[in-house]
């Protein structure tokens, strides 16, 4: 759940949008359930930088078993945060 939550939060912070459609929490919950069942696709914002698109996608896989692990996530976030005009401090 923490990896999934990080993916949602990272998408929200970087794009000011949720990674799943819906104007209400209930609609987003239903969209997440449809995505988990394989009925719908994940719709990441086109504003999401490519390196972060890969990170968020790895956090928001359909099943927990497919999700990136904590150590690998930390390495990828550290690398991505160091790119761009200004490096973020972790």
PDB file of N, CA and C in Angstrom:
ATOM      1  N   UNK A   1       0.824  -1.196   0.000  1.00  0.00           N
ATOM      2  CA  UNK A   1       0.000   0.000   0.000  1.00  0.00           C
ATOM      3  C   UNK A   1       0.866   1.257   0.000  1.00  0.00           C
ATOM      4  N   UNK A   2       2.017   1.211   0.677  1.00  0.00           N
ATOM      5  CA  UNK A   2       2.863   2.400   0.726  1.00  0.00           C
ATOM      6  C   UNK A   2       3.460   2.731  -0.636  1.00  0.00           C
ATOM      7  N   UNK A   3       3.845   1.717  -1.398  1.00  0.00           N
ATOM      8  CA  UNK A   3       4.419   1.948  -2.727  1.00  0.00           C
ATOM      9  C   UNK A   3       3.346   2.537  -3.642  1.00  0.00           C
ATOM     10  N   UNK A   4       2.139   1.971  -3.592  1.00  0.00           N
ATOM     11  CA  UNK A   4       1.018   2.495  -4.386  1.00  0.00           C
ATOM     12  C   UNK A   4       0.770   3.959  -4.008  1.00  0.00           C
ATOM     13  N   UNK A   5       0.712   4.236  -2.709  1.00  0.00           N
ATOM     14  CA  UNK A   5       0.445   5.598  -2.234  1.00  0.00           C
ATOM     15  C   UNK A   5       1.536   6.559  -2.704  1.00  0.00           C
ATOM     16  N   UNK A   6       2.789   6.119  -2.697  1.00  0.00           N
ATOM     17  CA  UNK A   6       3.867   6.973  -3.183  1.00  0.00           C
ATOM     18  C   UNK A   6       3.657   7.304  -4.659  1.00  0.00           C
ATOM     19  N   UNK A   7       3.264   6.318  -5.446  1.00  0.00           N
ATOM     20  CA  UNK A   7       3.016   6.556  -6.870  1.00  0.00           C
ATOM     21  C   UNK A   7       1.921   7.581  -7.099  1.00  0.00           C
ATOM     22  N   UNK A   8       0.838   7.451  -6.350  1.00  0.00           N
ATOM     23  CA  UNK A   8      -0.272   8.409  -6.471  1.00  0.00           C
ATOM     24  C   UNK A   8       0.198   9.801  -6.049  1.00  0.00           C
ATOM     25  N   UNK A   9       0.894   9.875  -4.926  1.00  0.00           N
ATOM     26  CA  UNK A   9       1.363  11.164  -4.420  1.00  0.00           C
ATOM     27  C   UNK A   9       2.371  11.808  -5.377  1.00  0.00           C
ATOM     28  N   UNK A  10       3.312  11.037  -5.894  1.00  0.00           N
ATOM     29  CA  UNK A  10       4.300  11.584  -6.829  1.00  0.00           C
ATOM     30  C   UNK A  10       3.606  12.137  -8.074  1.00  0.00           C
ATOM     31  N   UNK A  11       2.643  11.394  -8.596  1.00  0.00           N
ATOM     32  CA  UNK A  11       1.904  11.864  -9.778  1.00  0.00           C
ATOM     33  C   UNK A  11       1.174  13.165  -9.458  1.00  0.00           C
ATOM     34  N   UNK A  12       0.546  13.212  -8.310  1.00  0.00           N
ATOM     35  CA  UNK A  12      -0.220  14.398  -7.904  1.00  0.00           C
ATOM     36  C   UNK A  12       0.693  15.614  -7.732  1.00  0.00           C
ATOM     37  N   UNK A  13       1.827  15.421  -7.076  1.00  0.00           N
ATOM     38  CA  UNK A  13       2.759  16.521  -6.830  1.00  0.00           C
ATOM     39  C   UNK A  13       3.360  17.039  -8.136  1.00  0.00           C
ATOM     40  N   UNK A  14       3.718  16.130  -9.028  1.00  0.00           N
ATOM     41  CA  UNK A  14       4.400  16.529 -10.262  1.00  0.00           C
ATOM     42  C   UNK A  14       3.465  17.054 -11.345  1.00  0.00           C
ATOM     43  N   UNK A  15       2.185  16.695 -11.291  1.00  0.00           N
ATOM     44  CA  UNK A  15       1.269  17.089 -12.374  1.00  0.00           C
ATOM     45  C   UNK A  15       0.027  17.828 -11.897  1.00  0.00           C
ATOM     46  N   UNK A  16      -0.198  17.865 -10.588  1.00  0.00           N
ATOM     47  CA  UNK A  16      -1.411  18.447 -10.016  1.00  0.00           C
ATOM     48  C   UNK A  16      -2.664  17.706 -10.480  1.00  0.00           C
ATOM     49  N   UNK A  17      -2.507  16.411 -10.761  1.00  0.00           N
ATOM     50  CA  UNK A  17      -3.638  15.582 -11.190  1.00  0.00           C
ATOM     51  C   UNK A  17      -3.481  14.185 -10.599  1.00  0.00           C
ATOM     52  N   UNK A  18      -4.596  13.501 -10.444  1.00  0.00           N
ATOM     53  CA  UNK A  18      -4.558  12.118  -9.977  1.00  0.00           C
ATOM     54  C   UNK A  18      -4.267  11.186 -11.154  1.00  0.00           C
ATOM     55  N   UNK A  19      -3.605  10.041 -10.910  1.00  0.00           N
ATOM     56  CA  UNK A  19      -3.285   9.122 -12.002  1.00  0.00           C
ATOM     57  C   UNK A  19      -4.459   8.266 -12.459  1.00  0.00           C
ATOM     58  N   UNK A  20      -5.562   8.353 -11.767  1.00  0.00           N
ATOM     59  CA  UNK A  20      -6.772   7.624 -12.144  1.00  0.00           C
ATOM     60  C   UNK A  20      -7.900   8.630 -12.322  1.00  0.00           C
ATOM     61  N   UNK A  21      -8.762   8.408 -13.302  1.00  0.00           N
ATOM     62  CA  UNK A  21      -9.820   9.383 -13.570  1.00  0.00           C
ATOM     63  C   UNK A  21     -10.875   9.405 -12.469  1.00  0.00           C
ATOM     64  N   UNK A  22     -11.538  10.533 -12.355  1.00  0.00           N
ATOM     65  CA  UNK A  22     -12.641  10.659 -11.411  1.00  0.00           C
ATOM     66  C   UNK A  22     -12.594  11.978 -10.679  1.00  0.00           C
ATOM     67  N   UNK A  23     -13.746  12.601 -10.561  1.00  0.00           N
ATOM     68  CA  UNK A  23     -13.838  13.899  -9.901  1.00  0.00           C
ATOM     69  C   UNK A  23     -14.009  13.773  -8.393  1.00  0.00           C
ATOM     70  N   UNK A  24     -14.324  12.569  -7.919  1.00  0.00           N
ATOM     71  CA  UNK A  24     -14.544  12.359  -6.489  1.00  0.00           C
ATOM     72  C   UNK A  24     -13.693  11.187  -6.015  1.00  0.00           C
ATOM     73  N   UNK A  25     -13.444  11.108  -4.710  1.00  0.00           N
ATOM     74  CA  UNK A  25     -12.711   9.950  -4.194  1.00  0.00           C
ATOM     75  C   UNK A  25     -13.391   8.620  -4.552  1.00  0.00           C
ATOM     76  N   UNK A  26     -14.704   8.589  -4.527  1.00  0.00           N
ATOM     77  CA  UNK A  26     -15.428   7.361  -4.874  1.00  0.00           C
ATOM     78  C   UNK A  26     -15.193   6.979  -6.329  1.00  0.00           C
ATOM     79  N   UNK A  27     -15.230   7.950  -7.218  1.00  0.00           N
ATOM     80  CA  UNK A  27     -14.993   7.676  -8.639  1.00  0.00           C
ATOM     81  C   UNK A  27     -13.564   7.192  -8.866  1.00  0.00           C
ATOM     82  N   UNK A  28     -12.591   7.784  -8.149  1.00  0.00           N
ATOM     83  CA  UNK A  28     -11.199   7.344  -8.291  1.00  0.00           C
ATOM     84  C   UNK A  28     -11.012   5.953  -7.707  1.00  0.00           C
ATOM     85  N   UNK A  29     -11.694   5.645  -6.617  1.00  0.00           N
ATOM     86  CA  UNK A  29     -11.643   4.297  -6.045  1.00  0.00           C
ATOM     87  C   UNK A  29     -12.187   3.282  -7.033  1.00  0.00           C
ATOM     88  N   UNK A  30     -13.304   3.604  -7.662  1.00  0.00           N
ATOM     89  CA  UNK A  30     -13.893   2.705  -8.658  1.00  0.00           C
ATOM     90  C   UNK A  30     -12.965   2.534  -9.857  1.00  0.00           C
ATOM     91  N   UNK A  31     -12.298   3.613 -10.269  1.00  0.00           N
ATOM     92  CA  UNK A  31     -11.345   3.535 -11.381  1.00  0.00           C
ATOM     93  C   UNK A  31     -10.155   2.657 -11.004  1.00  0.00           C
ATOM     94  N   UNK A  32      -9.689   2.761  -9.760  1.00  0.00           N
ATOM     95  CA  UNK A  32      -8.580   1.916  -9.296  1.00  0.00           C
ATOM     96  C   UNK A  32      -8.989   0.451  -9.281  1.00  0.00           C
ATOM     97  N   UNK A  33     -10.210   0.171  -8.860  1.00  0.00           N
ATOM     98  CA  UNK A  33     -10.700  -1.215  -8.847  1.00  0.00           C
ATOM     99  C   UNK A  33     -10.806  -1.760 -10.264  1.00  0.00           C
ATOM    100  N   UNK A  34     -11.292  -0.959 -11.196  1.00  0.00           N
ATOM    101  CA  UNK A  34     -11.395  -1.386 -12.597  1.00  0.00           C
ATOM    102  C   UNK A  34     -10.001  -1.632 -13.174  1.00  0.00           C
ATOM    103  N   UNK A  35      -9.053  -0.785 -12.829  1.00  0.00           N
ATOM    104  CA  UNK A  35      -7.672  -0.962 -13.283  1.00  0.00           C
ATOM    105  C   UNK A  35      -7.093  -2.262 -12.720  1.00  0.00           C
ATOM    106  N   UNK A  36      -7.302  -2.507 -11.430  1.00  0.00           N
ATOM    107  CA  UNK A  36      -6.779  -3.725 -10.796  1.00  0.00           C
ATOM    108  C   UNK A  36      -7.375  -4.987 -11.409  1.00  0.00           C
ATOM    109  N   UNK A  37      -8.632  -4.931 -11.836  1.00  0.00           N
ATOM    110  CA  UNK A  37      -9.287  -6.086 -12.470  1.00  0.00           C
ATOM    111  C   UNK A  37      -8.868  -6.257 -13.925  1.00  0.00           C
ATOM    112  N   UNK A  38      -8.147  -5.294 -14.484  1.00  0.00           N
ATOM    113  CA  UNK A  38      -7.730  -5.373 -15.879  1.00  0.00           C
ATOM    114  C   UNK A  38      -8.771  -4.861 -16.849  1.00  0.00           C
ATOM    115  N   UNK A  39      -9.807  -4.211 -16.326  1.00  0.00           N
ATOM    116  CA  UNK A  39     -10.894  -3.688 -17.154  1.00  0.00           C
ATOM    117  C   UNK A  39     -10.521  -2.338 -17.766  1.00  0.00           C
ATOM    118  N   UNK A  40      -9.646  -1.595 -17.099  1.00  0.00           N
ATOM    119  CA  UNK A  40      -9.271  -0.257 -17.554  1.00  0.00           C
ATOM    120  C   UNK A  40      -7.757  -0.114 -17.492  1.00  0.00           C
ATOM    121  N   UNK A  41      -7.237   0.851 -18.219  1.00  0.00           N
ATOM    122  CA  UNK A  41      -5.802   1.124 -18.251  1.00  0.00           C
ATOM    123  C   UNK A  41      -5.469   2.301 -17.337  1.00  0.00           C
ATOM    124  N   UNK A  42      -4.232   2.335 -16.888  1.00  0.00           N
ATOM    125  CA  UNK A  42      -3.730   3.465 -16.128  1.00  0.00           C
ATOM    126  C   UNK A  42      -3.539   4.631 -17.091  1.00  0.00           C
ATOM    127  N   UNK A  43      -3.944   5.816 -16.686  1.00  0.00           N
ATOM    128  CA  UNK A  43      -3.821   6.999 -17.549  1.00  0.00           C
ATOM    129  C   UNK A  43      -2.953   8.040 -16.861  1.00  0.00           C
ATOM    130  N   UNK A  44      -1.656   7.954 -17.116  1.00  0.00           N
ATOM    131  CA  UNK A  44      -0.741   8.914 -16.518  1.00  0.00           C
ATOM    132  C   UNK A  44      -0.758  10.204 -17.328  1.00  0.00           C
ATOM    133  N   UNK A  45      -0.585  11.311 -16.635  1.00  0.00           N
ATOM    134  CA  UNK A  45      -0.601  12.627 -17.279  1.00  0.00           C
ATOM    135  C   UNK A  45       0.544  12.756 -18.278  1.00  0.00           C
ATOM    136  N   UNK A  46       0.290  13.363 -19.437  1.00  0.00           N
ATOM    137  CA  UNK A  46       1.374  13.616 -20.389  1.00  0.00           C
ATOM    138  C   UNK A  46       2.393  14.619 -19.845  1.00  0.00           C
ATOM    139  N   UNK A  47       2.036  15.342 -18.796  1.00  0.00           N
ATOM    140  CA  UNK A  47       2.952  16.302 -18.176  1.00  0.00           C
ATOM    141  C   UNK A  47       4.013  15.625 -17.311  1.00  0.00           C
ATOM    142  N   UNK A  48       3.839  14.352 -17.021  1.00  0.00           N
ATOM    143  CA  UNK A  48       4.770  13.625 -16.164  1.00  0.00           C
ATOM    144  C   UNK A  48       6.077  13.391 -16.923  1.00  0.00           C
ATOM    145  N   UNK A  49       7.217  13.848 -16.372  1.00  0.00           N
ATOM    146  CA  UNK A  49       8.499  13.613 -17.041  1.00  0.00           C
ATOM    147  C   UNK A  49       8.748  12.110 -17.233  1.00  0.00           C
ATOM    148  N   UNK A  50       9.484  11.757 -18.276  1.00  0.00           N
ATOM    149  CA  UNK A  50       9.681  10.349 -18.631  1.00  0.00           C
ATOM    150  C   UNK A  50      10.243   9.502 -17.495  1.00  0.00           C
ATOM    151  N   UNK A  51      11.270  10.007 -16.795  1.00  0.00           N
ATOM    152  CA  UNK A  51      11.846   9.214 -15.711  1.00  0.00           C
ATOM    153  C   UNK A  51      10.826   8.993 -14.597  1.00  0.00           C
ATOM    154  N   UNK A  52      10.029   9.994 -14.309  1.00  0.00           N
ATOM    155  CA  UNK A  52       8.999   9.854 -13.283  1.00  0.00           C
ATOM    156  C   UNK A  52       7.827   9.011 -13.780  1.00  0.00           C
ATOM    157  N   UNK A  53       7.568   9.028 -15.068  1.00  0.00           N
ATOM    158  CA  UNK A  53       6.519   8.173 -15.646  1.00  0.00           C
ATOM    159  C   UNK A  53       6.858   6.702 -15.374  1.00  0.00           C
ATOM    160  N   UNK A  54       8.128   6.341 -15.552  1.00  0.00           N
ATOM    161  CA  UNK A  54       8.559   4.969 -15.284  1.00  0.00           C
ATOM    162  C   UNK A  54       8.439   4.634 -13.797  1.00  0.00           C
ATOM    163  N   UNK A  55       8.834   5.568 -12.947  1.00  0.00           N
ATOM    164  CA  UNK A  55       8.758   5.347 -11.501  1.00  0.00           C
ATOM    165  C   UNK A  55       7.310   5.189 -11.062  1.00  0.00           C
ATOM    166  N   UNK A  56       6.459   6.124 -11.461  1.00  0.00           N
ATOM    167  CA  UNK A  56       5.044   6.068 -11.071  1.00  0.00           C
ATOM    168  C   UNK A  56       4.400   4.798 -11.618  1.00  0.00           C
ATOM    169  N   UNK A  57       4.703   4.456 -12.857  1.00  0.00           N
ATOM    170  CA  UNK A  57       4.166   3.227 -13.438  1.00  0.00           C
ATOM    171  C   UNK A  57       4.585   1.991 -12.662  1.00  0.00           C
ATOM    172  N   UNK A  58       5.837   1.968 -12.187  1.00  0.00           N
ATOM    173  CA  UNK A  58       6.329   0.832 -11.404  1.00  0.00           C
ATOM    174  C   UNK A  58       5.654   0.761 -10.034  1.00  0.00           C
ATOM    175  N   UNK A  59       5.233   1.903  -9.517  1.00  0.00           N
ATOM    176  CA  UNK A  59       4.523   1.945  -8.226  1.00  0.00           C
ATOM    177  C   UNK A  59       3.061   1.531  -8.368  1.00  0.00           C
ATOM    178  N   UNK A  60       2.487   1.784  -9.535  1.00  0.00           N
ATOM    179  CA  UNK A  60       1.051   1.590  -9.724  1.00  0.00           C
ATOM    180  C   UNK A  60       0.730   0.380 -10.601  1.00  0.00           C
ATOM    181  N   UNK A  61       1.520  -0.677 -10.476  1.00  0.00           N
ATOM    182  CA  UNK A  61       1.192  -1.895 -11.218  1.00  0.00           C
ATOM    183  C   UNK A  61      -0.090  -2.489 -10.649  1.00  0.00           C
ATOM    184  N   UNK A  62      -0.714  -3.346 -11.420  1.00  0.00           N
ATOM    185  CA  UNK A  62      -2.012  -3.917 -11.026  1.00  0.00           C
ATOM    186  C   UNK A  62      -1.955  -4.717  -9.727  1.00  0.00           C
ATOM    187  N   UNK A  63      -0.880  -5.438  -9.517  1.00  0.00           N
ATOM    188  CA  UNK A  63      -0.794  -6.272  -8.309  1.00  0.00           C
ATOM    189  C   UNK A  63       0.414  -5.878  -7.467  1.00  0.00           C
ATOM    190  N   UNK A  64       0.319  -6.180  -6.191  1.00  0.00           N
ATOM    191  CA  UNK A  64       1.406  -5.895  -5.257  1.00  0.00           C
ATOM    192  C   UNK A  64       2.677  -6.646  -5.666  1.00  0.00           C
ATOM    193  N   UNK A  65       2.527  -7.866  -6.139  1.00  0.00           N
ATOM    194  CA  UNK A  65       3.677  -8.683  -6.518  1.00  0.00           C
ATOM    195  C   UNK A  65       4.460  -8.072  -7.683  1.00  0.00           C
ATOM    196  N   UNK A  66       3.799  -7.334  -8.547  1.00  0.00           N
ATOM    197  CA  UNK A  66       4.462  -6.721  -9.705  1.00  0.00           C
ATOM    198  C   UNK A  66       5.121  -5.386  -9.368  1.00  0.00           C
ATOM    199  N   UNK A  67       4.789  -4.809  -8.218  1.00  0.00           N
ATOM    200  CA  UNK A  67       5.282  -3.473  -7.867  1.00  0.00           C
ATOM    201  C   UNK A  67       6.758  -3.466  -7.532  1.00  0.00           C
ATOM    202  N   UNK A  68       7.361  -2.342  -7.772  1.00  0.00           N
ATOM    203  CA  UNK A  68       8.761  -2.121  -7.440  1.00  0.00           C
ATOM    204  C   UNK A  68       8.942  -2.230  -5.924  1.00  0.00           C
ATOM    205  N   UNK A  69      10.090  -2.723  -5.493  1.00  0.00           N
ATOM    206  CA  UNK A  69      10.392  -2.813  -4.068  1.00  0.00           C
ATOM    207  C   UNK A  69      10.893  -1.483  -3.528  1.00  0.00           C
ATOM    208  N   UNK A  70      10.909  -1.368  -2.226  1.00  0.00           N
ATOM    209  CA  UNK A  70      11.303  -0.119  -1.587  1.00  0.00           C
ATOM    210  C   UNK A  70      12.723   0.328  -1.901  1.00  0.00           C
ATOM    211  N   UNK A  71      13.685  -0.599  -1.869  1.00  0.00           N
ATOM    212  CA  UNK A  71      15.081  -0.237  -2.131  1.00  0.00           C
ATOM    213  C   UNK A  71      15.269   0.216  -3.580  1.00  0.00           C
ATOM    214  N   UNK A  72      14.670  -0.513  -4.512  1.00  0.00           N
ATOM    215  CA  UNK A  72      14.774  -0.135  -5.928  1.00  0.00           C
ATOM    216  C   UNK A  72      14.080   1.201  -6.179  1.00  0.00           C
ATOM    217  N   UNK A  73      12.949   1.413  -5.519  1.00  0.00           N
ATOM    218  CA  UNK A  73      12.233   2.682  -5.663  1.00  0.00           C
ATOM    219  C   UNK A  73      13.101   3.837  -5.177  1.00  0.00           C
ATOM    220  N   UNK A  74      13.731   3.672  -4.032  1.00  0.00           N
ATOM    221  CA  UNK A  74      14.592   4.723  -3.492  1.00  0.00           C
ATOM    222  C   UNK A  74      15.733   5.049  -4.450  1.00  0.00           C
ATOM    223  N   UNK A  75      16.361   4.029  -5.040  1.00  0.00           N
ATOM    224  CA  UNK A  75      17.441   4.273  -6.001  1.00  0.00           C
ATOM    225  C   UNK A  75      16.937   5.057  -7.210  1.00  0.00           C
ATOM    226  N   UNK A  76      15.781   4.675  -7.730  1.00  0.00           N
ATOM    227  CA  UNK A  76      15.251   5.343  -8.926  1.00  0.00           C
ATOM    228  C   UNK A  76      14.821   6.775  -8.626  1.00  0.00           C
ATOM    229  N   UNK A  77      14.208   6.986  -7.472  1.00  0.00           N
ATOM    230  CA  UNK A  77      13.791   8.343  -7.087  1.00  0.00           C
ATOM    231  C   UNK A  77      15.015   9.228  -6.867  1.00  0.00           C
ATOM    232  N   UNK A  78      16.035   8.688  -6.220  1.00  0.00           N
ATOM    233  CA  UNK A  78      17.260   9.453  -5.994  1.00  0.00           C
ATOM    234  C   UNK A  78      17.887   9.866  -7.318  1.00  0.00           C
ATOM    235  N   UNK A  79      17.939   8.953  -8.270  1.00  0.00           N
ATOM    236  CA  UNK A  79      18.495   9.269  -9.594  1.00  0.00           C
ATOM    237  C   UNK A  79      17.631  10.297 -10.320  1.00  0.00           C
ATOM    238  N   UNK A  80      16.320  10.121 -10.278  1.00  0.00           N
ATOM    239  CA  UNK A  80      15.411  11.044 -10.974  1.00  0.00           C
ATOM    240  C   UNK A  80      15.430  12.428 -10.334  1.00  0.00           C
ATOM    241  N   UNK A  81      15.551  12.492  -9.029  1.00  0.00           N
ATOM    242  CA  UNK A  81      15.550  13.779  -8.336  1.00  0.00           C
ATOM    243  C   UNK A  81      16.809  14.576  -8.640  1.00  0.00           C
ATOM    244  N   UNK A  82      17.872  13.909  -9.058  1.00  0.00           N
ATOM    245  CA  UNK A  82      19.114  14.593  -9.384  1.00  0.00           C
ATOM    246  C   UNK A  82      19.157  15.122 -10.800  1.00  0.00           C
ATOM    247  N   UNK A  83      18.122  14.852 -11.596  1.00  0.00           N
ATOM    248  CA  UNK A  83      18.087  15.300 -12.985  1.00  0.00           C
ATOM    249  C   UNK A  83      17.342  16.621 -13.090  1.00  0.00           C
ATOM    250  N   UNK A  84      17.565  17.317 -14.187  1.00  0.00           N
ATOM    251  CA  UNK A  84      16.853  18.574 -14.416  1.00  0.00           C
ATOM    252  C   UNK A  84      17.710  19.762 -14.052  1.00  0.00           C
ATOM    253  N   UNK A  85      17.076  20.907 -14.045  1.00  0.00           N
ATOM    254  CA  UNK A  85      17.798  22.154 -13.780  1.00  0.00           C
ATOM    255  C   UNK A  85      18.316  22.224 -12.357  1.00  0.00           C
ATOM    256  N   UNK A  86      17.508  21.794 -11.429  1.00  0.00           N
ATOM    257  CA  UNK A  86      17.876  21.904 -10.029  1.00  0.00           C
ATOM    258  C   UNK A  86      17.656  20.563  -9.353  1.00  0.00           C
ATOM    259  N   UNK A  87      18.643  20.088  -8.664  1.00  0.00           N
ATOM    260  CA  UNK A  87      18.510  18.809  -7.969  1.00  0.00           C
ATOM    261  C   UNK A  87      17.683  18.996  -6.702  1.00  0.00           C
ATOM    262  N   UNK A  88      16.801  18.056  -6.448  1.00  0.00           N
ATOM    263  CA  UNK A  88      16.026  18.061  -5.212  1.00  0.00           C
ATOM    264  C   UNK A  88      16.883  17.465  -4.108  1.00  0.00           C
ATOM    265  N   UNK A  89      16.664  17.900  -2.909  1.00  0.00           N
ATOM    266  CA  UNK A  89      17.363  17.307  -1.766  1.00  0.00           C
ATOM    267  C   UNK A  89      16.431  16.309  -1.120  1.00  0.00           C
ATOM    268  N   UNK A  90      16.923  15.104  -0.939  1.00  0.00           N
ATOM    269  CA  UNK A  90      16.125  14.061  -0.276  1.00  0.00           C
ATOM    270  C   UNK A  90      16.517  13.950   1.163  1.00  0.00           C
TER     271      UNK A  90
END
